[in-house]
């Protein structure tokens, strides 16, 4: 099945402690049904010092389940479900079910 949420998509969090926050998808893990969203689900990790970076306590994004995020409709900036349709030229594109607007350019 084709992915409904992809890297670079603008999404909103539907549930959990970060409910209502928006951000861009940095990484999608389809095998685990999870995604990493910029600025959402921040956790603190103890980082060992390396030659490249300083050690200490580092805040970074943890993954969030795909069922807890929804893509933002390009037309009215509200959460929307995603559907697929095949255009006349044979391309398969994603569209926001809320407005019918195409997500893929």
N, C-alpha and C. Protein backbone atom coordinates (compact mmCIF):
# COMPACT_ATOMS: atom_id res chain seq x y z
N UNK A 1 0.84 -1.19 0.00
CA UNK A 1 0.00 0.00 0.00
C UNK A 1 0.88 1.25 0.00
N UNK A 2 0.47 2.24 -0.73
CA UNK A 2 1.22 3.49 -0.81
C UNK A 2 1.08 4.25 0.51
N UNK A 3 2.11 5.00 0.87
CA UNK A 3 2.11 5.73 2.13
C UNK A 3 1.21 6.96 2.04
N UNK A 4 0.35 7.13 3.04
CA UNK A 4 -0.51 8.30 3.07
C UNK A 4 0.21 9.51 3.63
N UNK A 5 1.19 9.28 4.49
CA UNK A 5 1.99 10.37 5.04
C UNK A 5 3.43 10.15 4.63
N UNK A 6 4.05 11.19 4.09
CA UNK A 6 5.40 11.09 3.57
C UNK A 6 6.29 12.16 4.18
N UNK A 7 7.60 11.98 4.01
CA UNK A 7 8.59 12.93 4.49
C UNK A 7 8.31 14.30 3.85
N UNK A 8 8.35 15.34 4.67
CA UNK A 8 8.12 16.69 4.17
C UNK A 8 6.68 17.17 4.29
N UNK A 9 5.74 16.27 4.59
CA UNK A 9 4.34 16.67 4.74
C UNK A 9 4.16 17.50 6.00
N UNK A 10 3.23 18.44 5.94
CA UNK A 10 2.87 19.25 7.12
C UNK A 10 1.72 18.52 7.82
N UNK A 11 1.91 18.18 9.10
CA UNK A 11 0.90 17.41 9.82
C UNK A 11 0.54 18.08 11.14
N UNK A 12 -0.59 17.66 11.71
CA UNK A 12 -1.04 18.12 13.02
C UNK A 12 -1.21 16.89 13.91
N UNK A 13 -0.90 17.04 15.21
CA UNK A 13 -1.03 15.93 16.16
C UNK A 13 -2.47 15.90 16.67
N UNK A 14 -3.09 14.71 16.63
CA UNK A 14 -4.49 14.56 17.00
C UNK A 14 -4.69 14.17 18.46
N UNK A 15 -3.70 13.49 19.07
CA UNK A 15 -3.88 13.06 20.45
C UNK A 15 -2.54 12.98 21.16
N UNK A 16 -2.60 12.94 22.49
CA UNK A 16 -1.39 12.87 23.29
C UNK A 16 -1.04 14.22 23.87
N UNK A 17 0.12 14.30 24.52
CA UNK A 17 0.49 15.53 25.23
C UNK A 17 0.79 16.68 24.27
N UNK A 18 1.07 16.38 23.00
CA UNK A 18 1.36 17.43 22.01
C UNK A 18 0.18 17.70 21.09
N UNK A 19 -1.03 17.36 21.54
CA UNK A 19 -2.23 17.53 20.72
C UNK A 19 -2.36 18.97 20.23
N UNK A 20 -2.61 19.13 18.93
CA UNK A 20 -2.78 20.46 18.35
C UNK A 20 -1.52 21.04 17.75
N UNK A 21 -0.35 20.49 18.09
CA UNK A 21 0.89 21.02 17.53
C UNK A 21 1.02 20.59 16.07
N UNK A 22 1.68 21.45 15.28
CA UNK A 22 1.92 21.13 13.88
C UNK A 22 3.42 21.07 13.64
N UNK A 23 3.79 20.37 12.58
CA UNK A 23 5.20 20.28 12.22
C UNK A 23 5.37 19.51 10.93
N UNK A 24 6.59 19.52 10.42
CA UNK A 24 6.90 18.79 9.19
C UNK A 24 7.42 17.41 9.54
N UNK A 25 7.07 16.43 8.71
CA UNK A 25 7.53 15.06 8.93
C UNK A 25 8.99 14.97 8.51
N UNK A 26 9.85 14.54 9.43
CA UNK A 26 11.27 14.40 9.15
C UNK A 26 11.61 13.01 8.63
N UNK A 27 10.91 11.99 9.12
CA UNK A 27 11.20 10.61 8.76
C UNK A 27 9.96 9.77 8.97
N UNK A 28 9.71 8.80 8.07
CA UNK A 28 8.60 7.88 8.21
C UNK A 28 9.16 6.47 8.28
N UNK A 29 8.63 5.69 9.22
CA UNK A 29 9.03 4.29 9.38
C UNK A 29 7.81 3.42 9.11
N UNK A 30 7.56 3.05 7.84
CA UNK A 30 6.33 2.34 7.49
C UNK A 30 6.22 0.96 8.14
N UNK A 31 7.36 0.29 8.37
CA UNK A 31 7.29 -1.04 8.96
C UNK A 31 6.79 -0.99 10.40
N UNK A 32 7.00 0.13 11.08
CA UNK A 32 6.56 0.28 12.46
C UNK A 32 5.33 1.17 12.58
N UNK A 33 4.81 1.69 11.45
CA UNK A 33 3.67 2.63 11.44
C UNK A 33 3.93 3.85 12.31
N UNK A 34 5.15 4.40 12.22
CA UNK A 34 5.52 5.54 13.03
C UNK A 34 6.20 6.61 12.18
N UNK A 35 6.21 7.84 12.70
CA UNK A 35 6.87 8.94 12.00
C UNK A 35 7.52 9.85 13.04
N UNK A 36 8.54 10.59 12.60
CA UNK A 36 9.17 11.59 13.45
C UNK A 36 8.77 12.95 12.89
N UNK A 37 8.17 13.79 13.76
CA UNK A 37 7.67 15.09 13.37
C UNK A 37 8.49 16.16 14.07
N UNK A 38 8.89 17.18 13.33
CA UNK A 38 9.75 18.23 13.86
C UNK A 38 9.08 18.98 15.01
N UNK A 39 9.76 19.02 16.16
CA UNK A 39 9.27 19.76 17.32
C UNK A 39 8.16 19.10 18.11
N UNK A 40 7.83 17.84 17.80
CA UNK A 40 6.74 17.13 18.46
C UNK A 40 7.29 15.91 19.18
N UNK A 41 6.73 15.60 20.34
CA UNK A 41 7.12 14.43 21.14
C UNK A 41 8.60 14.49 21.51
N UNK A 42 9.00 15.63 22.06
CA UNK A 42 10.40 15.83 22.44
C UNK A 42 10.73 15.03 23.70
N UNK A 43 11.88 14.36 23.66
CA UNK A 43 12.36 13.59 24.81
C UNK A 43 13.81 14.00 25.07
N UNK A 44 14.27 13.78 26.31
CA UNK A 44 15.66 14.10 26.65
C UNK A 44 16.45 12.81 26.71
N UNK A 45 17.61 12.82 26.09
CA UNK A 45 18.48 11.65 26.05
C UNK A 45 19.86 12.04 26.54
N UNK A 46 20.50 11.15 27.27
CA UNK A 46 21.87 11.38 27.71
C UNK A 46 22.80 10.98 26.57
N UNK A 47 23.62 11.91 26.13
CA UNK A 47 24.49 11.71 24.97
C UNK A 47 25.95 11.63 25.43
N UNK A 48 26.62 10.59 25.01
CA UNK A 48 28.05 10.47 25.32
C UNK A 48 28.82 11.42 24.41
N UNK A 49 29.90 11.99 24.95
CA UNK A 49 30.72 12.92 24.17
C UNK A 49 31.51 12.15 23.11
N UNK A 50 31.54 12.70 21.91
CA UNK A 50 32.34 12.15 20.82
C UNK A 50 33.25 13.24 20.29
N UNK A 51 34.08 12.86 19.34
CA UNK A 51 34.97 13.86 18.73
C UNK A 51 34.16 14.92 17.98
N UNK A 52 33.02 14.52 17.46
CA UNK A 52 32.22 15.43 16.64
C UNK A 52 31.30 16.31 17.48
N UNK A 53 30.77 15.79 18.60
CA UNK A 53 29.80 16.60 19.33
C UNK A 53 30.00 16.51 20.84
N UNK A 54 29.47 17.52 21.51
CA UNK A 54 29.58 17.65 22.95
C UNK A 54 28.64 16.65 23.64
N UNK A 55 29.02 16.16 24.80
CA UNK A 55 28.16 15.26 25.57
C UNK A 55 27.18 16.06 26.42
N UNK A 56 26.26 15.36 27.07
CA UNK A 56 25.30 16.01 27.94
C UNK A 56 23.90 15.52 27.67
N UNK A 57 22.92 16.26 28.18
CA UNK A 57 21.53 15.89 27.99
C UNK A 57 21.00 16.62 26.76
N UNK A 58 20.54 15.85 25.79
CA UNK A 58 20.11 16.40 24.50
C UNK A 58 18.61 16.16 24.32
N UNK A 59 17.88 17.18 23.88
CA UNK A 59 16.46 17.02 23.56
C UNK A 59 16.33 16.71 22.09
N UNK A 60 15.56 15.65 21.79
CA UNK A 60 15.33 15.31 20.38
C UNK A 60 13.94 14.73 20.21
N UNK A 61 13.51 14.62 18.96
CA UNK A 61 12.17 14.14 18.67
C UNK A 61 12.12 12.62 18.75
N UNK A 62 11.07 12.10 19.38
CA UNK A 62 10.81 10.66 19.38
C UNK A 62 9.71 10.39 18.36
N UNK A 63 9.58 9.14 17.95
CA UNK A 63 8.58 8.81 16.94
C UNK A 63 7.18 8.87 17.53
N UNK A 64 6.21 9.07 16.66
CA UNK A 64 4.80 9.13 17.04
C UNK A 64 4.04 8.22 16.08
N UNK A 65 2.99 7.56 16.57
CA UNK A 65 2.25 6.61 15.74
C UNK A 65 1.48 7.36 14.65
N UNK A 66 1.41 6.76 13.47
CA UNK A 66 0.75 7.41 12.33
C UNK A 66 -0.73 7.68 12.59
N UNK A 67 -1.36 6.89 13.45
CA UNK A 67 -2.79 7.09 13.74
C UNK A 67 -3.02 8.36 14.55
N UNK A 68 -1.96 8.90 15.15
CA UNK A 68 -2.09 10.09 15.99
C UNK A 68 -1.76 11.39 15.27
N UNK A 69 -1.48 11.31 13.97
CA UNK A 69 -1.22 12.52 13.20
C UNK A 69 -2.10 12.54 11.95
N UNK A 70 -2.42 13.74 11.50
CA UNK A 70 -3.22 13.90 10.28
C UNK A 70 -2.59 14.99 9.43
N UNK A 71 -2.68 14.80 8.14
CA UNK A 71 -2.11 15.76 7.20
C UNK A 71 -2.95 17.04 7.22
N UNK A 72 -2.32 18.18 7.01
CA UNK A 72 -3.04 19.46 7.00
C UNK A 72 -3.51 19.75 5.58
N UNK A 73 -4.81 20.04 5.48
CA UNK A 73 -5.42 20.34 4.18
C UNK A 73 -4.79 21.62 3.62
N UNK A 74 -4.27 21.57 2.37
CA UNK A 74 -3.63 22.76 1.81
C UNK A 74 -4.59 23.93 1.60
N UNK A 75 -5.89 23.67 1.53
CA UNK A 75 -6.84 24.74 1.26
C UNK A 75 -7.21 25.54 2.51
N UNK A 76 -7.55 24.85 3.62
CA UNK A 76 -8.02 25.58 4.80
C UNK A 76 -7.23 25.33 6.08
N UNK A 77 -6.06 24.69 5.98
CA UNK A 77 -5.17 24.46 7.12
C UNK A 77 -5.83 23.73 8.29
N UNK A 78 -6.70 22.78 7.99
CA UNK A 78 -7.32 21.95 9.02
C UNK A 78 -6.95 20.49 8.76
N UNK A 79 -7.03 19.63 9.79
CA UNK A 79 -6.66 18.22 9.59
C UNK A 79 -7.59 17.54 8.58
N UNK A 80 -7.02 16.66 7.78
CA UNK A 80 -7.80 15.96 6.77
C UNK A 80 -7.30 14.54 6.63
N UNK A 81 -8.19 13.66 6.19
CA UNK A 81 -7.76 12.31 5.83
C UNK A 81 -7.23 12.37 4.41
N UNK A 82 -6.52 11.31 4.01
CA UNK A 82 -5.87 11.28 2.71
C UNK A 82 -6.48 10.18 1.86
N UNK A 83 -6.75 10.51 0.59
CA UNK A 83 -7.22 9.52 -0.37
C UNK A 83 -6.31 9.51 -1.58
N UNK A 84 -6.52 8.54 -2.45
CA UNK A 84 -5.75 8.44 -3.67
C UNK A 84 -6.69 8.50 -4.86
N UNK A 85 -6.23 9.15 -5.93
CA UNK A 85 -6.99 9.11 -7.18
C UNK A 85 -6.01 9.08 -8.35
N UNK A 86 -6.47 8.55 -9.45
CA UNK A 86 -5.63 8.45 -10.64
C UNK A 86 -6.11 9.50 -11.63
N UNK A 87 -5.19 10.35 -12.05
CA UNK A 87 -5.52 11.43 -12.96
C UNK A 87 -5.64 10.90 -14.39
N UNK A 88 -6.11 11.78 -15.28
CA UNK A 88 -6.29 11.39 -16.70
C UNK A 88 -4.98 11.00 -17.37
N UNK A 89 -3.86 11.60 -16.92
CA UNK A 89 -2.58 11.28 -17.54
C UNK A 89 -1.95 10.03 -16.92
N UNK A 90 -2.67 9.34 -16.02
CA UNK A 90 -2.18 8.08 -15.47
C UNK A 90 -1.43 8.20 -14.16
N UNK A 91 -1.21 9.43 -13.66
CA UNK A 91 -0.49 9.59 -12.39
C UNK A 91 -1.42 9.30 -11.21
N UNK A 92 -0.86 8.65 -10.18
CA UNK A 92 -1.59 8.40 -8.95
C UNK A 92 -1.17 9.47 -7.95
N UNK A 93 -2.14 10.25 -7.47
CA UNK A 93 -1.82 11.35 -6.56
C UNK A 93 -2.64 11.22 -5.28
N UNK A 94 -2.10 11.82 -4.21
CA UNK A 94 -2.83 11.90 -2.95
C UNK A 94 -3.68 13.17 -2.96
N UNK A 95 -4.84 13.10 -2.30
CA UNK A 95 -5.67 14.29 -2.18
C UNK A 95 -6.28 14.34 -0.78
N UNK A 96 -6.58 15.56 -0.33
CA UNK A 96 -7.21 15.74 0.97
C UNK A 96 -8.70 15.49 0.83
N UNK A 97 -9.21 14.55 1.61
CA UNK A 97 -10.63 14.20 1.49
C UNK A 97 -11.54 15.33 1.97
N UNK A 98 -11.01 16.21 2.81
CA UNK A 98 -11.80 17.32 3.35
C UNK A 98 -12.24 18.28 2.25
N UNK A 99 -11.29 18.66 1.37
CA UNK A 99 -11.59 19.66 0.35
C UNK A 99 -11.49 19.12 -1.07
N UNK A 100 -10.88 17.95 -1.24
CA UNK A 100 -10.66 17.42 -2.58
C UNK A 100 -9.42 17.96 -3.24
N UNK A 101 -8.67 18.81 -2.53
CA UNK A 101 -7.46 19.43 -3.06
C UNK A 101 -6.33 18.40 -3.16
N UNK A 102 -5.56 18.45 -4.25
CA UNK A 102 -4.43 17.54 -4.43
C UNK A 102 -3.30 17.94 -3.50
N UNK A 103 -2.65 16.93 -2.89
CA UNK A 103 -1.52 17.17 -1.99
C UNK A 103 -0.23 17.14 -2.79
N UNK A 104 -0.10 16.16 -3.69
CA UNK A 104 1.10 16.05 -4.53
C UNK A 104 0.98 17.01 -5.70
N UNK A 105 2.00 17.80 -5.90
CA UNK A 105 1.98 18.77 -7.00
C UNK A 105 2.27 18.12 -8.33
